[in-house]
């Protein structure tokens, strides 16, 4: 099982990448620590998980010297989760030169669908990347 850094917010939520490719990327996230006040998995946590796996896959699709940024995410929540781990699988729908689109399925430990999402990412050249806070522009 591979574990790679996925960013500050995703790291703090316990997201771990387990499979990586432009065509299919998989990650897990614990429910504990990512619940809303009623004790259910927070819908925003599911959305973050979906965008994380889709964006990582799109970055791989972009190739060397390029990067991906999400430009549209929609997600439907089908059932709740209260404990255990959820797993998100991003599967490519369309991989182009400037756009990559993925469908993302999030399931619980029993294989029951928790959420379904679709993510479209814009693929750009690194020299067009916006400077991070405190960073000197390229």
N, C-alpha and C. Protein backbone atom coordinates (compact mmCIF):
# COMPACT_ATOMS: atom_id res chain seq x y z
N UNK A 1 0.85 -1.18 0.00
CA UNK A 1 0.00 0.00 0.00
C UNK A 1 0.89 1.24 0.00
N UNK A 2 0.67 2.13 -0.98
CA UNK A 2 1.44 3.35 -1.08
C UNK A 2 0.84 4.43 -0.20
N UNK A 3 1.71 5.24 0.41
CA UNK A 3 1.23 6.41 1.13
C UNK A 3 2.06 7.59 0.67
N UNK A 4 1.39 8.60 0.17
CA UNK A 4 2.07 9.79 -0.34
C UNK A 4 1.40 11.02 0.25
N UNK A 5 2.17 12.11 0.40
CA UNK A 5 1.57 13.35 0.91
C UNK A 5 0.56 13.90 -0.10
N UNK A 6 -0.53 14.44 0.44
CA UNK A 6 -1.58 14.96 -0.44
C UNK A 6 -1.95 16.41 -0.12
N UNK A 7 -1.22 17.06 0.77
CA UNK A 7 -1.52 18.44 1.12
C UNK A 7 -1.93 18.58 2.57
N UNK A 8 -1.80 19.77 3.09
CA UNK A 8 -2.03 20.02 4.52
C UNK A 8 -3.43 19.63 4.99
N UNK A 9 -4.46 20.07 4.28
CA UNK A 9 -5.83 19.79 4.71
C UNK A 9 -6.13 18.29 4.59
N UNK A 10 -5.80 17.70 3.47
CA UNK A 10 -6.05 16.27 3.28
C UNK A 10 -5.25 15.44 4.29
N UNK A 11 -4.02 15.86 4.58
CA UNK A 11 -3.22 15.15 5.58
C UNK A 11 -3.88 15.23 6.95
N UNK A 12 -4.38 16.42 7.32
CA UNK A 12 -4.99 16.57 8.64
C UNK A 12 -6.28 15.76 8.76
N UNK A 13 -6.89 15.42 7.63
CA UNK A 13 -8.12 14.62 7.64
C UNK A 13 -7.83 13.13 7.55
N UNK A 14 -6.55 12.77 7.46
CA UNK A 14 -6.17 11.37 7.44
C UNK A 14 -6.29 10.68 6.09
N UNK A 15 -6.33 11.45 5.01
CA UNK A 15 -6.45 10.86 3.67
C UNK A 15 -5.13 10.22 3.28
N UNK A 16 -5.20 8.97 2.81
CA UNK A 16 -4.02 8.24 2.36
C UNK A 16 -4.28 7.68 0.97
N UNK A 17 -3.38 7.98 0.06
CA UNK A 17 -3.47 7.45 -1.30
C UNK A 17 -2.99 6.00 -1.30
N UNK A 18 -3.74 5.13 -1.95
CA UNK A 18 -3.37 3.71 -1.97
C UNK A 18 -3.13 3.18 -3.39
N UNK A 19 -3.61 3.89 -4.39
CA UNK A 19 -3.39 3.49 -5.79
C UNK A 19 -3.30 4.76 -6.62
N UNK A 20 -2.30 4.83 -7.50
CA UNK A 20 -2.07 6.05 -8.27
C UNK A 20 -1.90 5.77 -9.76
N UNK A 21 -2.76 6.37 -10.57
CA UNK A 21 -2.56 6.42 -12.01
C UNK A 21 -3.49 7.49 -12.55
N UNK A 22 -3.22 7.93 -13.77
CA UNK A 22 -4.07 8.95 -14.38
C UNK A 22 -5.47 8.40 -14.65
N UNK A 23 -5.57 7.10 -14.88
CA UNK A 23 -6.85 6.48 -15.20
C UNK A 23 -7.67 6.13 -13.95
N UNK A 24 -6.96 5.83 -12.84
CA UNK A 24 -7.67 5.40 -11.61
C UNK A 24 -6.78 5.71 -10.41
N UNK A 25 -7.34 6.45 -9.47
CA UNK A 25 -6.64 6.75 -8.22
C UNK A 25 -7.58 6.43 -7.07
N UNK A 26 -7.02 5.83 -6.00
CA UNK A 26 -7.81 5.40 -4.86
C UNK A 26 -7.19 5.97 -3.59
N UNK A 27 -8.04 6.39 -2.65
CA UNK A 27 -7.58 6.89 -1.35
C UNK A 27 -8.59 6.49 -0.28
N UNK A 28 -8.10 6.44 0.97
CA UNK A 28 -8.96 6.15 2.11
C UNK A 28 -8.96 7.33 3.07
N UNK A 29 -10.00 7.40 3.90
CA UNK A 29 -10.11 8.44 4.92
C UNK A 29 -10.89 7.88 6.10
N UNK A 30 -10.41 8.10 7.33
CA UNK A 30 -11.19 7.65 8.49
C UNK A 30 -12.43 8.52 8.67
N UNK A 31 -13.50 7.90 9.15
CA UNK A 31 -14.70 8.66 9.46
C UNK A 31 -14.49 9.44 10.76
N UNK A 32 -13.90 8.78 11.76
CA UNK A 32 -13.61 9.43 13.04
C UNK A 32 -12.72 10.64 12.82
N UNK A 33 -13.14 11.77 13.35
CA UNK A 33 -12.41 13.02 13.16
C UNK A 33 -12.92 13.84 11.99
N UNK A 34 -13.80 13.25 11.18
CA UNK A 34 -14.35 13.93 10.01
C UNK A 34 -15.88 13.90 10.02
N UNK A 35 -16.44 13.93 11.25
CA UNK A 35 -17.89 13.86 11.41
C UNK A 35 -18.47 15.23 11.76
N UNK A 36 -19.74 15.41 11.42
CA UNK A 36 -20.47 16.61 11.80
C UNK A 36 -21.11 16.38 13.17
N UNK A 37 -21.75 17.40 13.77
CA UNK A 37 -22.25 17.29 15.15
C UNK A 37 -23.20 16.11 15.41
N UNK A 38 -23.90 15.60 14.41
CA UNK A 38 -24.79 14.46 14.62
C UNK A 38 -24.04 13.12 14.64
N UNK A 39 -22.72 13.16 14.43
CA UNK A 39 -21.92 11.94 14.43
C UNK A 39 -21.81 11.26 13.09
N UNK A 40 -22.29 11.91 12.04
CA UNK A 40 -22.23 11.37 10.68
C UNK A 40 -21.04 11.95 9.94
N UNK A 41 -20.51 11.20 8.97
CA UNK A 41 -19.44 11.72 8.12
C UNK A 41 -19.90 13.03 7.50
N UNK A 42 -19.10 14.05 7.65
CA UNK A 42 -19.44 15.38 7.13
C UNK A 42 -19.42 15.36 5.61
N UNK A 43 -20.44 15.93 4.99
CA UNK A 43 -20.51 15.99 3.53
C UNK A 43 -19.33 16.74 2.92
N UNK A 44 -18.85 17.75 3.63
CA UNK A 44 -17.68 18.49 3.14
C UNK A 44 -16.42 17.64 3.16
N UNK A 45 -16.33 16.73 4.12
CA UNK A 45 -15.18 15.81 4.17
C UNK A 45 -15.23 14.87 2.97
N UNK A 46 -16.43 14.39 2.63
CA UNK A 46 -16.58 13.54 1.45
C UNK A 46 -16.20 14.30 0.19
N UNK A 47 -16.60 15.57 0.10
CA UNK A 47 -16.27 16.39 -1.06
C UNK A 47 -14.76 16.61 -1.16
N UNK A 48 -14.12 16.86 -0.01
CA UNK A 48 -12.66 17.03 -0.02
C UNK A 48 -11.97 15.75 -0.47
N UNK A 49 -12.43 14.61 0.02
CA UNK A 49 -11.86 13.32 -0.39
C UNK A 49 -12.02 13.12 -1.89
N UNK A 50 -13.20 13.41 -2.42
CA UNK A 50 -13.45 13.27 -3.86
C UNK A 50 -12.54 14.18 -4.67
N UNK A 51 -12.43 15.44 -4.24
CA UNK A 51 -11.58 16.37 -5.00
C UNK A 51 -10.11 15.98 -4.90
N UNK A 52 -9.71 15.44 -3.77
CA UNK A 52 -8.32 15.02 -3.60
C UNK A 52 -7.97 13.90 -4.57
N UNK A 53 -8.75 12.82 -4.60
CA UNK A 53 -8.40 11.71 -5.48
C UNK A 53 -8.49 12.09 -6.96
N UNK A 54 -9.50 12.89 -7.30
CA UNK A 54 -9.63 13.32 -8.69
C UNK A 54 -8.51 14.26 -9.11
N UNK A 55 -8.12 15.18 -8.23
CA UNK A 55 -7.06 16.12 -8.56
C UNK A 55 -5.71 15.44 -8.68
N UNK A 56 -5.45 14.45 -7.81
CA UNK A 56 -4.19 13.71 -7.90
C UNK A 56 -4.14 12.96 -9.24
N UNK A 57 -5.22 12.30 -9.60
CA UNK A 57 -5.27 11.58 -10.88
C UNK A 57 -5.07 12.55 -12.05
N UNK A 58 -5.73 13.71 -11.99
CA UNK A 58 -5.60 14.70 -13.06
C UNK A 58 -4.18 15.23 -13.15
N UNK A 59 -3.53 15.41 -12.01
CA UNK A 59 -2.12 15.85 -12.02
C UNK A 59 -1.25 14.82 -12.75
N UNK A 60 -1.50 13.55 -12.50
CA UNK A 60 -0.76 12.50 -13.19
C UNK A 60 -1.06 12.53 -14.68
N UNK A 61 -2.30 12.82 -15.04
CA UNK A 61 -2.69 12.92 -16.45
C UNK A 61 -2.01 14.11 -17.13
N UNK A 62 -1.83 15.19 -16.39
CA UNK A 62 -1.25 16.41 -16.97
C UNK A 62 0.16 16.17 -17.49
N UNK A 63 0.94 15.36 -16.78
CA UNK A 63 2.29 15.02 -17.22
C UNK A 63 3.33 16.00 -16.71
N UNK A 64 4.61 15.71 -17.05
CA UNK A 64 5.73 16.53 -16.58
C UNK A 64 5.61 18.00 -17.00
N UNK A 65 5.95 18.89 -16.09
CA UNK A 65 5.91 20.32 -16.38
C UNK A 65 4.51 20.91 -16.41
N UNK A 66 3.52 20.13 -15.96
CA UNK A 66 2.14 20.59 -15.96
C UNK A 66 1.51 20.28 -14.62
N UNK A 67 0.38 20.91 -14.32
CA UNK A 67 -0.34 20.67 -13.07
C UNK A 67 -1.83 20.76 -13.33
N UNK A 68 -2.60 20.32 -12.35
CA UNK A 68 -4.06 20.30 -12.48
C UNK A 68 -4.69 21.10 -11.36
N UNK A 69 -5.77 21.81 -11.68
CA UNK A 69 -6.57 22.50 -10.67
C UNK A 69 -8.04 22.18 -10.92
N UNK A 70 -8.76 21.88 -9.85
CA UNK A 70 -10.18 21.59 -9.97
C UNK A 70 -10.96 22.84 -10.37
N UNK A 71 -11.86 22.69 -11.33
CA UNK A 71 -12.69 23.83 -11.74
C UNK A 71 -14.18 23.56 -11.53
N UNK A 72 -14.55 22.29 -11.34
CA UNK A 72 -15.95 21.99 -11.06
C UNK A 72 -16.03 20.68 -10.30
N UNK A 73 -16.79 20.70 -9.22
CA UNK A 73 -17.04 19.50 -8.43
C UNK A 73 -18.52 19.45 -8.11
N UNK A 74 -19.15 18.30 -8.35
CA UNK A 74 -20.51 18.11 -7.83
C UNK A 74 -20.53 16.75 -7.14
N UNK A 75 -21.32 16.68 -6.08
CA UNK A 75 -21.34 15.47 -5.27
C UNK A 75 -22.75 15.23 -4.74
N UNK A 76 -23.15 13.97 -4.75
CA UNK A 76 -24.43 13.55 -4.17
C UNK A 76 -24.12 12.58 -3.03
N UNK A 77 -24.79 12.79 -1.90
CA UNK A 77 -24.60 11.94 -0.73
C UNK A 77 -25.78 10.97 -0.66
N UNK A 78 -25.48 9.66 -0.63
CA UNK A 78 -26.51 8.64 -0.70
C UNK A 78 -26.86 8.02 0.64
N UNK A 79 -25.88 7.90 1.52
CA UNK A 79 -26.12 7.30 2.84
C UNK A 79 -25.06 7.83 3.79
N UNK A 80 -25.29 7.64 5.07
CA UNK A 80 -24.36 8.15 6.07
C UNK A 80 -23.34 7.08 6.47
N UNK A 81 -22.27 7.54 7.06
CA UNK A 81 -21.27 6.67 7.68
C UNK A 81 -20.99 7.25 9.05
N UNK A 82 -20.84 6.40 10.05
CA UNK A 82 -20.60 6.88 11.42
C UNK A 82 -19.26 6.43 11.98
N UNK A 83 -18.66 5.42 11.37
CA UNK A 83 -17.37 4.94 11.86
C UNK A 83 -16.64 4.21 10.74
N UNK A 84 -15.46 3.71 11.05
CA UNK A 84 -14.68 2.98 10.06
C UNK A 84 -13.95 3.90 9.11
N UNK A 85 -13.79 3.42 7.91
CA UNK A 85 -13.03 4.12 6.87
C UNK A 85 -13.88 4.18 5.61
N UNK A 86 -13.74 5.27 4.87
CA UNK A 86 -14.36 5.34 3.55
C UNK A 86 -13.25 5.33 2.51
N UNK A 87 -13.59 4.78 1.34
CA UNK A 87 -12.62 4.66 0.25
C UNK A 87 -13.19 5.35 -0.98
N UNK A 88 -12.37 6.20 -1.59
CA UNK A 88 -12.78 6.92 -2.79
C UNK A 88 -11.97 6.40 -3.98
N UNK A 89 -12.67 6.15 -5.07
CA UNK A 89 -12.03 5.71 -6.31
C UNK A 89 -12.40 6.69 -7.41
N UNK A 90 -11.38 7.33 -7.98
CA UNK A 90 -11.57 8.25 -9.09
C UNK A 90 -11.25 7.49 -10.38
N UNK A 91 -12.20 7.49 -11.30
CA UNK A 91 -12.04 6.82 -12.58
C UNK A 91 -12.18 7.85 -13.69
N UNK A 92 -11.22 7.85 -14.62
CA UNK A 92 -11.22 8.84 -15.70
C UNK A 92 -12.42 8.64 -16.62
N UNK A 93 -13.05 9.76 -16.96
CA UNK A 93 -14.11 9.78 -17.95
C UNK A 93 -13.55 10.32 -19.25
N UNK A 94 -12.76 11.39 -19.15
CA UNK A 94 -12.16 12.05 -20.31
C UNK A 94 -10.81 12.62 -19.91
N UNK A 95 -9.76 12.26 -20.64
CA UNK A 95 -8.42 12.80 -20.40
C UNK A 95 -7.98 13.52 -21.65
N UNK A 96 -8.01 14.85 -21.59
CA UNK A 96 -7.62 15.65 -22.73
C UNK A 96 -6.35 16.43 -22.45
N UNK A 97 -6.01 17.32 -23.36
CA UNK A 97 -4.80 18.13 -23.20
C UNK A 97 -5.01 19.26 -22.19
N UNK A 98 -6.23 19.79 -22.11
CA UNK A 98 -6.49 20.92 -21.21
C UNK A 98 -7.50 20.61 -20.10
N UNK A 99 -8.26 19.53 -20.25
CA UNK A 99 -9.25 19.16 -19.23
C UNK A 99 -9.17 17.66 -18.94
N UNK A 100 -9.41 17.32 -17.68
CA UNK A 100 -9.54 15.92 -17.27
C UNK A 100 -10.78 15.83 -16.39
N UNK A 101 -11.64 14.86 -16.68
CA UNK A 101 -12.86 14.68 -15.91
C UNK A 101 -12.89 13.27 -15.32
N UNK A 102 -13.32 13.20 -14.05
CA UNK A 102 -13.37 11.94 -13.31
C UNK A 102 -14.72 11.75 -12.65
N UNK A 103 -15.14 10.49 -12.53
CA UNK A 103 -16.24 10.14 -11.64
C UNK A 103 -15.58 9.53 -10.42
N UNK A 104 -16.12 9.86 -9.26
CA UNK A 104 -15.55 9.39 -8.00
C UNK A 104 -16.66 8.70 -7.21
N UNK A 105 -16.38 7.48 -6.79
CA UNK A 105 -17.31 6.73 -5.96
C UNK A 105 -16.69 6.61 -4.57
N UNK A 106 -17.47 6.93 -3.55
CA UNK A 106 -17.00 6.79 -2.16
C UNK A 106 -17.85 5.71 -1.51
N UNK A 107 -17.17 4.70 -0.96
CA UNK A 107 -17.87 3.58 -0.32
C UNK A 107 -17.38 3.41 1.11
N UNK A 108 -18.22 2.74 1.94
CA UNK A 108 -17.83 2.46 3.32
C UNK A 108 -17.10 1.12 3.39
N UNK A 109 -16.78 0.68 4.60
CA UNK A 109 -16.05 -0.58 4.79
C UNK A 109 -16.83 -1.79 4.30
N UNK A 110 -18.13 -1.65 4.10
CA UNK A 110 -18.97 -2.76 3.64
C UNK A 110 -19.24 -2.68 2.14
N UNK A 111 -18.59 -1.74 1.45
CA UNK A 111 -18.78 -1.58 0.02
C UNK A 111 -20.05 -0.85 -0.37
N UNK A 112 -20.74 -0.26 0.62
CA UNK A 112 -21.97 0.50 0.34
C UNK A 112 -21.60 1.91 -0.12
N UNK A 113 -22.26 2.35 -1.18
CA UNK A 113 -21.97 3.68 -1.72
C UNK A 113 -22.43 4.76 -0.76
N UNK A 114 -21.50 5.63 -0.38
CA UNK A 114 -21.77 6.76 0.50
C UNK A 114 -22.08 8.01 -0.34
N UNK A 115 -21.23 8.25 -1.35
CA UNK A 115 -21.37 9.44 -2.19
C UNK A 115 -20.89 9.13 -3.61
N UNK A 116 -21.42 9.91 -4.55
CA UNK A 116 -20.97 9.88 -5.95
C UNK A 116 -20.62 11.31 -6.33
N UNK A 117 -19.51 11.47 -7.05
CA UNK A 117 -19.07 12.81 -7.42
C UNK A 117 -18.54 12.82 -8.85
N UNK A 118 -18.45 14.01 -9.39
CA UNK A 118 -17.80 14.24 -10.69
C UNK A 118 -16.91 15.46 -10.53
N UNK A 119 -15.69 15.36 -11.01
CA UNK A 119 -14.71 16.45 -10.91
C UNK A 119 -14.12 16.72 -12.27
N UNK A 120 -14.06 17.99 -12.65
CA UNK A 120 -13.34 18.41 -13.85
C UNK A 120 -12.18 19.29 -13.42
N UNK A 121 -11.00 18.99 -13.97
CA UNK A 121 -9.79 19.75 -13.66
C UNK A 121 -9.25 20.39 -14.92
N UNK A 122 -8.72 21.59 -14.77
CA UNK A 122 -8.02 22.29 -15.83
C UNK A 122 -6.56 21.90 -15.75
N UNK A 123 -5.95 21.54 -16.87
CA UNK A 123 -4.55 21.15 -16.92
C UNK A 123 -3.75 22.32 -17.51
N UNK A 124 -2.74 22.75 -16.76
CA UNK A 124 -1.97 23.94 -17.15
C UNK A 124 -0.49 23.66 -17.13
N UNK A 125 0.27 24.51 -17.79
CA UNK A 125 1.73 24.44 -17.74
C UNK A 125 2.22 25.06 -16.44
N UNK A 126 3.32 24.54 -15.91
CA UNK A 126 3.86 25.02 -14.63
C UNK A 126 4.17 26.51 -14.69
N UNK A 127 4.62 27.04 -15.82
CA UNK A 127 4.94 28.46 -15.89
C UNK A 127 3.71 29.36 -15.77
N UNK A 128 2.52 28.78 -15.79
CA UNK A 128 1.28 29.54 -15.59
C UNK A 128 0.71 29.33 -14.21
N UNK A 129 1.46 28.63 -13.33
CA UNK A 129 0.99 28.36 -11.98
C UNK A 129 1.01 29.63 -11.15
N UNK A 130 -0.06 29.91 -10.42
CA UNK A 130 -0.06 31.09 -9.55
C UNK A 130 0.94 30.88 -8.40
N UNK A 131 1.55 31.96 -7.98
CA UNK A 131 2.51 31.89 -6.87
C UNK A 131 1.76 31.59 -5.57
N UNK A 132 2.35 30.75 -4.74
CA UNK A 132 1.79 30.46 -3.42
C UNK A 132 2.05 31.64 -2.49
N UNK A 133 1.32 31.69 -1.40
CA UNK A 133 1.49 32.76 -0.43
C UNK A 133 2.95 32.78 0.04
N UNK A 134 3.59 33.93 -0.04
CA UNK A 134 4.98 34.08 0.39
C UNK A 134 6.00 33.60 -0.62
N UNK A 135 5.56 33.14 -1.79
CA UNK A 135 6.47 32.62 -2.80
C UNK A 135 6.71 33.67 -3.87
N UNK A 136 7.92 33.71 -4.38
CA UNK A 136 8.23 34.58 -5.49
C UNK A 136 7.69 33.97 -6.76
N UNK A 137 6.93 34.74 -7.57
CA UNK A 137 6.37 34.19 -8.81
C UNK A 137 7.47 33.65 -9.72
N UNK A 138 7.13 32.62 -10.51
CA UNK A 138 8.10 32.02 -11.44
C UNK A 138 8.48 32.98 -12.54
